[in-house]
Amino acid sequence: MKPSSLSRGAAKRALLSLAIGSFGIGMTEFVAMGLLPNIAQDLLPDLWAQNPDEAIGRAGILVSLYALGVVLGAPTIAGLVARFPRHKVMIGLAIALTLGNGLAVVLPTFETVGLARFIAGLPHGAYFGIGALVAADVLGPGKRAKGVAFILTGLTIANVVGVPAGTYLGQHVGWRSAFLVVTIVFAIATV
């Protein structure tokens, strides 16, 4: 994708889509931390009844599984998709993020939600790495840093607004509702 190959409107839409995906990544990565008691109570009810602190600690494994997915997925996925058009790769990564988070919304057990969190983490690093290249390509020489900075505003807004709002929603409506919002955000980023 070359800067000259996109109209100004298409370039703006591409950057906005990347920023929305960045917002979703910020939410999915950090919102679980504020919802660990809710997750533990729902997915580990027997342990919660005996020892809530231990249940919360065990629920923290979901955060670690996401991080493990990020660490393993970033170099693996980036290497596997290097020969494909970047814009198509980004759509595929956004779809994978949508599916991984959507699975966390519907799967019934701690183990299966853990698998969903791992799956959701896999495209995370590649999304940021390849997304930065796409943003740089879209704006071209002289404006590349501006493009990368713009997509990273999604992460900043997620940390300042999205995560607290998602935590509040998850604590009052149910933890799965926060992940449903994240799933919807990624679905929007694919468009």
N, C-alpha and C. Protein backbone atom coordinates (compact mmCIF):
# COMPACT_ATOMS: atom_id res chain seq x y z
N MET A 1 0.85 -1.17 0.00
CA MET A 1 0.00 0.00 0.00
C MET A 1 0.90 1.23 0.00
N LYS A 2 0.78 2.02 -1.03
CA LYS A 2 1.58 3.24 -1.16
C LYS A 2 0.71 4.45 -0.86
N PRO A 3 1.31 5.53 -0.35
CA PRO A 3 0.52 6.71 -0.03
C PRO A 3 -0.28 7.22 -1.23
N SER A 4 0.31 7.13 -2.41
CA SER A 4 -0.36 7.63 -3.60
C SER A 4 -1.52 6.74 -4.04
N SER A 5 -1.58 5.52 -3.56
CA SER A 5 -2.63 4.59 -3.99
C SER A 5 -3.93 4.78 -3.22
N LEU A 6 -3.94 5.61 -2.21
CA LEU A 6 -5.15 5.83 -1.41
C LEU A 6 -5.60 7.28 -1.51
N SER A 7 -6.90 7.45 -1.62
CA SER A 7 -7.44 8.80 -1.53
C SER A 7 -7.28 9.30 -0.10
N ARG A 8 -7.43 10.57 0.08
CA ARG A 8 -7.30 11.14 1.44
C ARG A 8 -8.36 10.53 2.37
N GLY A 9 -9.58 10.37 1.87
CA GLY A 9 -10.65 9.77 2.68
C GLY A 9 -10.34 8.33 3.04
N ALA A 10 -9.82 7.57 2.09
CA ALA A 10 -9.48 6.17 2.36
C ALA A 10 -8.35 6.08 3.38
N ALA A 11 -7.39 6.98 3.29
CA ALA A 11 -6.28 6.99 4.26
C ALA A 11 -6.80 7.29 5.66
N LYS A 12 -7.71 8.25 5.76
CA LYS A 12 -8.29 8.58 7.07
C LYS A 12 -9.07 7.40 7.63
N ARG A 13 -9.83 6.72 6.77
CA ARG A 13 -10.61 5.56 7.23
C ARG A 13 -9.68 4.43 7.69
N ALA A 14 -8.59 4.23 6.97
CA ALA A 14 -7.64 3.18 7.36
C ALA A 14 -7.03 3.49 8.72
N LEU A 15 -6.61 4.74 8.91
CA LEU A 15 -6.02 5.12 10.20
C LEU A 15 -7.04 5.03 11.33
N LEU A 16 -8.28 5.43 11.06
CA LEU A 16 -9.32 5.35 12.08
C LEU A 16 -9.58 3.90 12.46
N SER A 17 -9.63 3.02 11.47
CA SER A 17 -9.83 1.60 11.74
C SER A 17 -8.71 1.04 12.60
N LEU A 18 -7.48 1.43 12.30
CA LEU A 18 -6.33 0.98 13.09
C LEU A 18 -6.40 1.52 14.52
N ALA A 19 -6.82 2.77 14.67
CA ALA A 19 -6.94 3.36 16.01
C ALA A 19 -8.05 2.68 16.80
N ILE A 20 -9.15 2.33 16.14
CA ILE A 20 -10.23 1.60 16.82
C ILE A 20 -9.73 0.24 17.29
N GLY A 21 -8.98 -0.45 16.43
CA GLY A 21 -8.40 -1.73 16.83
C GLY A 21 -7.43 -1.57 17.98
N SER A 22 -6.65 -0.51 17.96
CA SER A 22 -5.72 -0.22 19.05
C SER A 22 -6.48 0.01 20.36
N PHE A 23 -7.60 0.71 20.28
CA PHE A 23 -8.47 0.91 21.44
C PHE A 23 -8.95 -0.45 21.97
N GLY A 24 -9.38 -1.32 21.07
CA GLY A 24 -9.84 -2.65 21.48
C GLY A 24 -8.74 -3.45 22.16
N ILE A 25 -7.53 -3.36 21.63
CA ILE A 25 -6.41 -4.08 22.24
C ILE A 25 -6.14 -3.55 23.64
N GLY A 26 -6.16 -2.24 23.80
CA GLY A 26 -5.97 -1.68 25.14
C GLY A 26 -7.02 -2.16 26.12
N MET A 27 -8.25 -2.22 25.65
CA MET A 27 -9.32 -2.69 26.54
C MET A 27 -9.16 -4.17 26.89
N THR A 28 -8.97 -5.00 25.87
CA THR A 28 -8.93 -6.44 26.15
C THR A 28 -7.73 -6.82 27.00
N GLU A 29 -6.64 -6.09 26.83
CA GLU A 29 -5.45 -6.42 27.60
C GLU A 29 -5.61 -6.07 29.07
N PHE A 30 -6.24 -4.94 29.36
CA PHE A 30 -6.24 -4.44 30.73
C PHE A 30 -7.57 -4.55 31.49
N VAL A 31 -8.69 -4.69 30.80
CA VAL A 31 -9.97 -4.68 31.51
C VAL A 31 -10.13 -5.92 32.40
N ALA A 32 -9.53 -7.02 32.02
CA ALA A 32 -9.67 -8.24 32.83
C ALA A 32 -9.13 -8.05 34.24
N MET A 33 -8.11 -7.24 34.38
CA MET A 33 -7.49 -7.05 35.70
C MET A 33 -8.47 -6.46 36.71
N GLY A 34 -9.30 -5.54 36.28
CA GLY A 34 -10.28 -4.95 37.18
C GLY A 34 -11.49 -5.82 37.42
N LEU A 35 -11.60 -6.90 36.65
CA LEU A 35 -12.76 -7.78 36.77
C LEU A 35 -12.43 -9.15 37.36
N LEU A 36 -11.21 -9.32 37.86
CA LEU A 36 -10.82 -10.63 38.38
C LEU A 36 -11.76 -11.16 39.46
N PRO A 37 -12.21 -10.35 40.42
CA PRO A 37 -13.16 -10.90 41.40
C PRO A 37 -14.46 -11.38 40.76
N ASN A 38 -14.95 -10.64 39.78
CA ASN A 38 -16.18 -11.03 39.09
C ASN A 38 -15.99 -12.31 38.28
N ILE A 39 -14.86 -12.39 37.61
CA ILE A 39 -14.54 -13.58 36.82
C ILE A 39 -14.38 -14.79 37.74
N ALA A 40 -13.66 -14.60 38.83
CA ALA A 40 -13.44 -15.70 39.78
C ALA A 40 -14.75 -16.20 40.35
N GLN A 41 -15.62 -15.30 40.73
CA GLN A 41 -16.90 -15.69 41.32
C GLN A 41 -17.75 -16.46 40.31
N ASP A 42 -17.68 -16.08 39.04
CA ASP A 42 -18.47 -16.74 38.00
C ASP A 42 -17.87 -18.06 37.55
N LEU A 43 -16.58 -18.07 37.27
CA LEU A 43 -15.95 -19.25 36.67
C LEU A 43 -15.36 -20.23 37.68
N LEU A 44 -15.12 -19.77 38.89
CA LEU A 44 -14.54 -20.63 39.93
C LEU A 44 -15.41 -20.56 41.19
N PRO A 45 -16.70 -20.89 41.08
CA PRO A 45 -17.61 -20.67 42.22
C PRO A 45 -17.27 -21.50 43.45
N ASP A 46 -16.83 -22.73 43.28
CA ASP A 46 -16.50 -23.56 44.45
C ASP A 46 -15.29 -23.00 45.19
N LEU A 47 -14.26 -22.65 44.44
CA LEU A 47 -13.07 -22.06 45.07
C LEU A 47 -13.41 -20.70 45.68
N TRP A 48 -14.24 -19.93 45.01
CA TRP A 48 -14.67 -18.63 45.53
C TRP A 48 -15.36 -18.80 46.88
N ALA A 49 -16.21 -19.81 46.99
CA ALA A 49 -16.94 -20.04 48.24
C ALA A 49 -16.00 -20.40 49.39
N GLN A 50 -14.91 -21.11 49.07
CA GLN A 50 -13.95 -21.53 50.10
C GLN A 50 -12.93 -20.44 50.42
N ASN A 51 -12.41 -19.81 49.37
CA ASN A 51 -11.32 -18.85 49.56
C ASN A 51 -11.33 -17.83 48.41
N PRO A 52 -12.05 -16.73 48.55
CA PRO A 52 -12.13 -15.75 47.47
C PRO A 52 -10.77 -15.22 47.00
N ASP A 53 -9.84 -15.03 47.93
CA ASP A 53 -8.52 -14.51 47.54
C ASP A 53 -7.79 -15.49 46.62
N GLU A 54 -7.87 -16.76 46.95
CA GLU A 54 -7.24 -17.77 46.10
C GLU A 54 -7.93 -17.83 44.74
N ALA A 55 -9.24 -17.70 44.73
CA ALA A 55 -9.99 -17.72 43.47
C ALA A 55 -9.59 -16.54 42.58
N ILE A 56 -9.42 -15.38 43.18
CA ILE A 56 -8.99 -14.20 42.41
C ILE A 56 -7.59 -14.43 41.85
N GLY A 57 -6.70 -14.99 42.66
CA GLY A 57 -5.36 -15.30 42.18
C GLY A 57 -5.38 -16.28 41.02
N ARG A 58 -6.21 -17.29 41.13
CA ARG A 58 -6.32 -18.27 40.04
C ARG A 58 -6.90 -17.61 38.79
N ALA A 59 -7.89 -16.74 38.96
CA ALA A 59 -8.47 -16.03 37.81
C ALA A 59 -7.41 -15.18 37.11
N GLY A 60 -6.41 -14.73 37.85
CA GLY A 60 -5.32 -13.96 37.26
C GLY A 60 -4.56 -14.72 36.19
N ILE A 61 -4.69 -16.03 36.18
CA ILE A 61 -4.07 -16.83 35.12
C ILE A 61 -4.59 -16.40 33.76
N LEU A 62 -5.83 -15.92 33.70
CA LEU A 62 -6.39 -15.47 32.43
C LEU A 62 -5.60 -14.29 31.86
N VAL A 63 -5.10 -13.43 32.72
CA VAL A 63 -4.26 -12.31 32.29
C VAL A 63 -2.94 -12.86 31.76
N SER A 64 -2.38 -13.85 32.45
CA SER A 64 -1.11 -14.45 32.02
C SER A 64 -1.26 -15.19 30.71
N LEU A 65 -2.39 -15.87 30.51
CA LEU A 65 -2.60 -16.59 29.26
C LEU A 65 -2.70 -15.63 28.08
N TYR A 66 -3.34 -14.50 28.29
CA TYR A 66 -3.39 -13.48 27.24
C TYR A 66 -1.96 -13.02 26.92
N ALA A 67 -1.19 -12.72 27.94
CA ALA A 67 0.19 -12.25 27.75
C ALA A 67 1.03 -13.31 27.04
N LEU A 68 0.83 -14.57 27.38
CA LEU A 68 1.55 -15.65 26.71
C LEU A 68 1.19 -15.68 25.22
N GLY A 69 -0.09 -15.49 24.92
CA GLY A 69 -0.51 -15.42 23.53
C GLY A 69 0.19 -14.28 22.79
N VAL A 70 0.31 -13.14 23.44
CA VAL A 70 0.98 -11.98 22.83
C VAL A 70 2.44 -12.33 22.52
N VAL A 71 3.12 -12.90 23.50
CA VAL A 71 4.55 -13.20 23.35
C VAL A 71 4.79 -14.23 22.25
N LEU A 72 3.96 -15.25 22.20
CA LEU A 72 4.14 -16.29 21.19
C LEU A 72 3.63 -15.85 19.82
N GLY A 73 2.55 -15.09 19.81
CA GLY A 73 1.93 -14.72 18.55
C GLY A 73 2.66 -13.64 17.78
N ALA A 74 3.24 -12.67 18.47
CA ALA A 74 3.85 -11.53 17.78
C ALA A 74 4.88 -11.96 16.74
N PRO A 75 5.93 -12.68 17.12
CA PRO A 75 6.92 -13.03 16.10
C PRO A 75 6.42 -14.11 15.14
N THR A 76 5.61 -15.01 15.64
CA THR A 76 5.14 -16.11 14.80
C THR A 76 4.22 -15.61 13.70
N ILE A 77 3.21 -14.85 14.10
CA ILE A 77 2.25 -14.36 13.11
C ILE A 77 2.92 -13.37 12.16
N ALA A 78 3.71 -12.46 12.69
CA ALA A 78 4.38 -11.48 11.82
C ALA A 78 5.24 -12.19 10.77
N GLY A 79 5.93 -13.24 11.17
CA GLY A 79 6.75 -13.99 10.22
C GLY A 79 5.93 -14.75 9.20
N LEU A 80 4.81 -15.31 9.63
CA LEU A 80 3.98 -16.10 8.72
C LEU A 80 3.24 -15.26 7.68
N VAL A 81 2.93 -14.03 8.01
CA VAL A 81 2.11 -13.21 7.10
C VAL A 81 2.91 -12.15 6.35
N ALA A 82 4.22 -12.17 6.48
CA ALA A 82 5.06 -11.11 5.90
C ALA A 82 4.88 -10.97 4.39
N ARG A 83 4.56 -12.03 3.70
CA ARG A 83 4.47 -11.97 2.24
C ARG A 83 3.08 -11.55 1.72
N PHE A 84 2.13 -11.39 2.62
CA PHE A 84 0.77 -11.04 2.22
C PHE A 84 0.55 -9.53 2.27
N PRO A 85 -0.42 -9.03 1.51
CA PRO A 85 -0.71 -7.58 1.57
C PRO A 85 -1.08 -7.16 2.99
N ARG A 86 -0.47 -6.09 3.44
CA ARG A 86 -0.63 -5.68 4.84
C ARG A 86 -2.07 -5.34 5.20
N HIS A 87 -2.77 -4.68 4.30
CA HIS A 87 -4.15 -4.30 4.65
C HIS A 87 -5.03 -5.53 4.84
N LYS A 88 -4.79 -6.58 4.06
CA LYS A 88 -5.56 -7.81 4.23
C LYS A 88 -5.15 -8.52 5.52
N VAL A 89 -3.88 -8.47 5.85
CA VAL A 89 -3.41 -9.05 7.11
C VAL A 89 -4.07 -8.35 8.29
N MET A 90 -4.15 -7.03 8.21
CA MET A 90 -4.76 -6.28 9.32
C MET A 90 -6.23 -6.64 9.50
N ILE A 91 -6.93 -6.83 8.41
CA ILE A 91 -8.33 -7.26 8.51
C ILE A 91 -8.40 -8.64 9.15
N GLY A 92 -7.52 -9.53 8.73
CA GLY A 92 -7.48 -10.87 9.33
C GLY A 92 -7.16 -10.84 10.81
N LEU A 93 -6.22 -9.99 11.20
CA LEU A 93 -5.87 -9.87 12.62
C LEU A 93 -7.04 -9.32 13.43
N ALA A 94 -7.74 -8.34 12.88
CA ALA A 94 -8.91 -7.78 13.57
C ALA A 94 -10.01 -8.83 13.70
N ILE A 95 -10.18 -9.66 12.68
CA ILE A 95 -11.16 -10.75 12.76
C ILE A 95 -10.75 -11.74 13.84
N ALA A 96 -9.46 -12.08 13.89
CA ALA A 96 -8.98 -13.01 14.93
C ALA A 96 -9.20 -12.43 16.33
N LEU A 97 -8.95 -11.14 16.50
CA LEU A 97 -9.20 -10.49 17.79
C LEU A 97 -10.69 -10.50 18.12
N THR A 98 -11.53 -10.31 17.13
CA THR A 98 -12.98 -10.37 17.34
C THR A 98 -13.38 -11.76 17.81
N LEU A 99 -12.89 -12.77 17.13
CA LEU A 99 -13.26 -14.15 17.48
C LEU A 99 -12.73 -14.55 18.84
N GLY A 100 -11.47 -14.24 19.13
CA GLY A 100 -10.90 -14.61 20.43
C GLY A 100 -11.65 -13.99 21.59
N ASN A 101 -11.99 -12.72 21.45
CA ASN A 101 -12.74 -12.05 22.53
C ASN A 101 -14.19 -12.52 22.56
N GLY A 102 -14.76 -12.78 21.40
CA GLY A 102 -16.12 -13.30 21.36
C GLY A 102 -16.23 -14.66 22.04
N LEU A 103 -15.21 -15.48 21.88
CA LEU A 103 -15.20 -16.78 22.57
C LEU A 103 -15.20 -16.60 24.08
N ALA A 104 -14.47 -15.62 24.57
CA ALA A 104 -14.44 -15.38 26.02
C ALA A 104 -15.82 -14.99 26.54
N VAL A 105 -16.62 -14.38 25.69
CA VAL A 105 -17.98 -13.98 26.09
C VAL A 105 -18.88 -15.19 26.27
N VAL A 106 -18.72 -16.19 25.41
CA VAL A 106 -19.70 -17.29 25.38
C VAL A 106 -19.23 -18.60 25.99
N LEU A 107 -17.94 -18.80 26.14
CA LEU A 107 -17.48 -20.09 26.65
C LEU A 107 -17.78 -20.22 28.15
N PRO A 108 -18.16 -21.42 28.59
CA PRO A 108 -18.73 -21.56 29.94
C PRO A 108 -17.76 -21.85 31.08
N THR A 109 -16.56 -22.32 30.80
CA THR A 109 -15.70 -22.77 31.90
C THR A 109 -14.42 -21.94 31.97
N PHE A 110 -13.78 -22.01 33.12
CA PHE A 110 -12.52 -21.30 33.32
C PHE A 110 -11.49 -21.74 32.29
N GLU A 111 -11.40 -23.03 32.05
CA GLU A 111 -10.40 -23.56 31.12
C GLU A 111 -10.65 -23.07 29.69
N THR A 112 -11.92 -23.08 29.27
CA THR A 112 -12.20 -22.66 27.90
C THR A 112 -12.05 -21.14 27.74
N VAL A 113 -12.40 -20.38 28.76
CA VAL A 113 -12.18 -18.93 28.71
C VAL A 113 -10.67 -18.66 28.69
N GLY A 114 -9.89 -19.46 29.42
CA GLY A 114 -8.44 -19.33 29.38
C GLY A 114 -7.90 -19.56 27.98
N LEU A 115 -8.43 -20.56 27.29
CA LEU A 115 -8.03 -20.81 25.91
C LEU A 115 -8.42 -19.63 25.02
N ALA A 116 -9.61 -19.08 25.23
CA ALA A 116 -10.05 -17.92 24.45
C ALA A 116 -9.13 -16.73 24.68
N ARG A 117 -8.73 -16.51 25.92
CA ARG A 117 -7.82 -15.39 26.23
C ARG A 117 -6.47 -15.59 25.54
N PHE A 118 -5.97 -16.82 25.53
CA PHE A 118 -4.72 -17.12 24.84
C PHE A 118 -4.86 -16.82 23.35
N ILE A 119 -5.96 -17.30 22.76
CA ILE A 119 -6.21 -17.07 21.33
C ILE A 119 -6.32 -15.58 21.04
N ALA A 120 -7.01 -14.84 21.91
CA ALA A 120 -7.16 -13.40 21.71
C ALA A 120 -5.81 -12.68 21.79
N GLY A 121 -4.89 -13.20 22.57
CA GLY A 121 -3.57 -12.57 22.69
C GLY A 121 -2.67 -12.80 21.49
N LEU A 122 -2.88 -13.88 20.76
CA LEU A 122 -1.99 -14.21 19.65
C LEU A 122 -1.82 -13.09 18.63
N PRO A 123 -2.89 -12.45 18.14
CA PRO A 123 -2.70 -11.41 17.12
C PRO A 123 -2.29 -10.04 17.65
N HIS A 124 -2.26 -9.86 18.94
CA HIS A 124 -2.01 -8.56 19.57
C HIS A 124 -0.72 -7.90 19.06
N GLY A 125 0.40 -8.54 19.23
CA GLY A 125 1.69 -7.95 18.86
C GLY A 125 1.81 -7.71 17.37
N ALA A 126 1.33 -8.66 16.57
CA ALA A 126 1.38 -8.49 15.12
C ALA A 126 0.50 -7.32 14.69
N TYR A 127 -0.63 -7.14 15.37
CA TYR A 127 -1.53 -6.03 15.04
C TYR A 127 -0.80 -4.70 15.21
N PHE A 128 -0.11 -4.53 16.32
CA PHE A 128 0.61 -3.28 16.54
C PHE A 128 1.79 -3.13 15.58
N GLY A 129 2.55 -4.19 15.40
CA GLY A 129 3.73 -4.11 14.54
C GLY A 129 3.38 -3.83 13.09
N ILE A 130 2.47 -4.62 12.55
CA ILE A 130 2.09 -4.45 11.15
C ILE A 130 1.24 -3.19 10.99
N GLY A 131 0.41 -2.90 12.00
CA GLY A 131 -0.40 -1.69 11.96
C GLY A 131 0.45 -0.43 11.87
N ALA A 132 1.57 -0.42 12.57
CA ALA A 132 2.47 0.74 12.50
C ALA A 132 3.04 0.88 11.09
N LEU A 133 3.35 -0.24 10.46
CA LEU A 133 3.85 -0.18 9.08
C LEU A 133 2.78 0.32 8.13
N VAL A 134 1.55 -0.14 8.33
CA VAL A 134 0.45 0.31 7.47
C VAL A 134 0.22 1.81 7.66
N ALA A 135 0.22 2.26 8.90
CA ALA A 135 0.02 3.70 9.17
C ALA A 135 1.12 4.52 8.51
N ALA A 136 2.35 4.04 8.58
CA ALA A 136 3.46 4.75 7.95
C ALA A 136 3.30 4.77 6.43
N ASP A 137 2.87 3.64 5.86
CA ASP A 137 2.66 3.56 4.41
C ASP A 137 1.53 4.49 3.95
N VAL A 138 0.47 4.53 4.73
CA VAL A 138 -0.70 5.33 4.36
C VAL A 138 -0.35 6.80 4.24
N LEU A 139 0.41 7.33 5.17
CA LEU A 139 0.73 8.76 5.16
C LEU A 139 1.99 9.09 4.38
N GLY A 140 2.87 8.13 4.23
CA GLY A 140 4.05 8.35 3.42
C GLY A 140 5.15 9.11 4.14
N PRO A 141 6.26 9.34 3.42
CA PRO A 141 7.42 10.03 4.00
C PRO A 141 7.04 11.39 4.57
N GLY A 142 7.65 11.71 5.68
CA GLY A 142 7.41 12.99 6.32
C GLY A 142 6.24 13.01 7.28
N LYS A 143 5.35 12.03 7.17
CA LYS A 143 4.19 11.98 8.05
C LYS A 143 4.03 10.62 8.72
N ARG A 144 5.02 9.78 8.59
CA ARG A 144 4.92 8.43 9.13
C ARG A 144 4.73 8.42 10.64
N ALA A 145 5.50 9.21 11.33
CA ALA A 145 5.38 9.25 12.80
C ALA A 145 3.99 9.71 13.22
N LYS A 146 3.43 10.63 12.47
CA LYS A 146 2.08 11.11 12.76
C LYS A 146 1.07 9.96 12.64
N GLY A 147 1.22 9.13 11.63
CA GLY A 147 0.32 7.98 11.45
C GLY A 147 0.43 6.98 12.58
N VAL A 148 1.65 6.66 12.96
CA VAL A 148 1.86 5.72 14.06
C VAL A 148 1.31 6.30 15.36
N ALA A 149 1.58 7.57 15.60
CA ALA A 149 1.07 8.22 16.81
C ALA A 149 -0.45 8.21 16.84
N PHE A 150 -1.06 8.42 15.68
CA PHE A 150 -2.52 8.44 15.64
C PHE A 150 -3.12 7.09 16.04
N ILE A 151 -2.56 6.00 15.50
CA ILE A 151 -3.15 4.71 15.87
C ILE A 151 -2.91 4.39 17.34
N LEU A 152 -1.81 4.87 17.88
CA LEU A 152 -1.55 4.63 19.30
C LEU A 152 -2.44 5.46 20.22
N THR A 153 -3.10 6.48 19.67
CA THR A 153 -4.07 7.21 20.50
C THR A 153 -5.21 6.30 20.92
N GLY A 154 -5.50 5.29 20.11
CA GLY A 154 -6.53 4.33 20.49
C GLY A 154 -6.18 3.63 21.79
N LEU A 155 -4.92 3.24 21.92
CA LEU A 155 -4.46 2.60 23.15
C LEU A 155 -4.53 3.55 24.33
N THR A 156 -4.13 4.79 24.11
CA THR A 156 -4.18 5.79 25.18
C THR A 156 -5.61 6.02 25.65
N ILE A 157 -6.52 6.18 24.71
CA ILE A 157 -7.93 6.41 25.07
C ILE A 157 -8.50 5.18 25.77
N ALA A 158 -8.08 4.00 25.35
CA ALA A 158 -8.54 2.78 26.03
C ALA A 158 -8.11 2.79 27.49
N ASN A 159 -6.86 3.17 27.74
CA ASN A 159 -6.36 3.16 29.12
C ASN A 159 -7.02 4.23 29.99
N VAL A 160 -7.35 5.37 29.39
CA VAL A 160 -7.92 6.47 30.16
C VAL A 160 -9.44 6.36 30.30
N VAL A 161 -10.11 5.90 29.25
CA VAL A 161 -11.57 5.87 29.25
C VAL A 161 -12.12 4.44 29.15
N GLY A 162 -11.63 3.68 28.19
CA GLY A 162 -12.19 2.37 27.90
C GLY A 162 -12.09 1.37 29.03
N VAL A 163 -10.91 1.25 29.61
CA VAL A 163 -10.71 0.28 30.69
C VAL A 163 -11.54 0.63 31.92
N PRO A 164 -11.52 1.88 32.39
CA PRO A 164 -12.39 2.19 33.53
C PRO A 164 -13.88 1.98 33.22
N ALA A 165 -14.31 2.38 32.02
CA ALA A 165 -15.72 2.19 31.65
C ALA A 165 -16.05 0.71 31.54
N GLY A 166 -15.15 -0.06 30.93
CA GLY A 166 -15.36 -1.50 30.82
C GLY A 166 -15.38 -2.19 32.17
N THR A 167 -14.51 -1.75 33.06
CA THR A 167 -14.49 -2.31 34.41
C THR A 167 -15.80 -1.99 35.13
N TYR A 168 -16.25 -0.77 35.03
CA TYR A 168 -17.52 -0.38 35.66
C TYR A 168 -18.67 -1.21 35.10
N LEU A 169 -18.72 -1.32 33.78
CA LEU A 169 -19.76 -2.12 33.13
C LEU A 169 -19.69 -3.57 33.60
N GLY A 170 -18.49 -4.14 33.58
CA GLY A 170 -18.32 -5.53 33.98
C GLY A 170 -18.68 -5.80 35.43
N GLN A 171 -18.42 -4.84 36.29
CA GLN A 171 -18.74 -5.01 37.71
C GLN A 171 -20.24 -4.87 37.98
N HIS A 172 -20.94 -4.13 37.13
CA HIS A 172 -22.36 -3.87 37.38
C HIS A 172 -23.30 -4.69 36.51
N VAL A 173 -22.85 -5.11 35.34
CA VAL A 173 -23.71 -5.88 34.44
C VAL A 173 -23.23 -7.33 34.33
N GLY A 174 -21.96 -7.56 34.56
CA GLY A 174 -21.36 -8.89 34.42
C GLY A 174 -20.09 -8.76 33.61
N TRP A 175 -19.08 -9.50 34.00
CA TRP A 175 -17.77 -9.35 33.37
C TRP A 175 -17.81 -9.63 31.88
N ARG A 176 -18.71 -10.51 31.46
CA ARG A 176 -18.77 -10.85 30.03
C ARG A 176 -19.21 -9.65 29.18
N SER A 177 -19.98 -8.75 29.79
CA SER A 177 -20.44 -7.56 29.05
C SER A 177 -19.25 -6.70 28.60
N ALA A 178 -18.23 -6.62 29.43
CA ALA A 178 -17.04 -5.84 29.05
C ALA A 178 -16.35 -6.47 27.85
N PHE A 179 -16.28 -7.80 27.83
CA PHE A 179 -15.66 -8.48 26.70
C PHE A 179 -16.55 -8.44 25.46
N LEU A 180 -17.85 -8.34 25.66
CA LEU A 180 -18.75 -8.15 24.52
C LEU A 180 -18.49 -6.79 23.87
N VAL A 181 -18.29 -5.78 24.67
CA VAL A 181 -17.96 -4.45 24.13
C VAL A 181 -16.66 -4.52 23.34
N VAL A 182 -15.66 -5.20 23.88
CA VAL A 182 -14.38 -5.35 23.18
C VAL A 182 -14.58 -6.08 21.86
N THR A 183 -15.40 -7.12 21.87
CA THR A 183 -15.68 -7.87 20.64
C THR A 183 -16.32 -6.96 19.59
N ILE A 184 -17.25 -6.14 20.02
CA ILE A 184 -17.91 -5.20 19.09
C ILE A 184 -16.90 -4.19 18.55
N VAL A 185 -16.02 -3.70 19.40
CA VAL A 185 -14.99 -2.75 18.96
C VAL A 185 -14.13 -3.38 17.86
N PHE A 186 -13.71 -4.62 18.05
CA PHE A 186 -12.89 -5.28 17.02
C PHE A 186 -13.70 -5.54 15.75
N ALA A 187 -14.98 -5.86 15.89
CA ALA A 187 -15.82 -6.05 14.71
C ALA A 187 -15.89 -4.75 13.90
N ILE A 188 -16.00 -3.63 14.59
CA ILE A 188 -16.02 -2.32 13.92
C ILE A 188 -14.68 -2.07 13.23
N ALA A 189 -13.60 -2.46 13.86
CA ALA A 189 -12.26 -2.24 13.28
C ALA A 189 -12.05 -3.04 12.00
N THR A 190 -12.80 -4.10 11.80
CA THR A 190 -12.63 -4.90 10.58
C THR A 190 -13.28 -4.25 9.37
N VAL A 191 -14.18 -3.31 9.60
CA VAL A 191 -14.93 -2.70 8.50
C VAL A 191 -14.10 -1.68 7.75
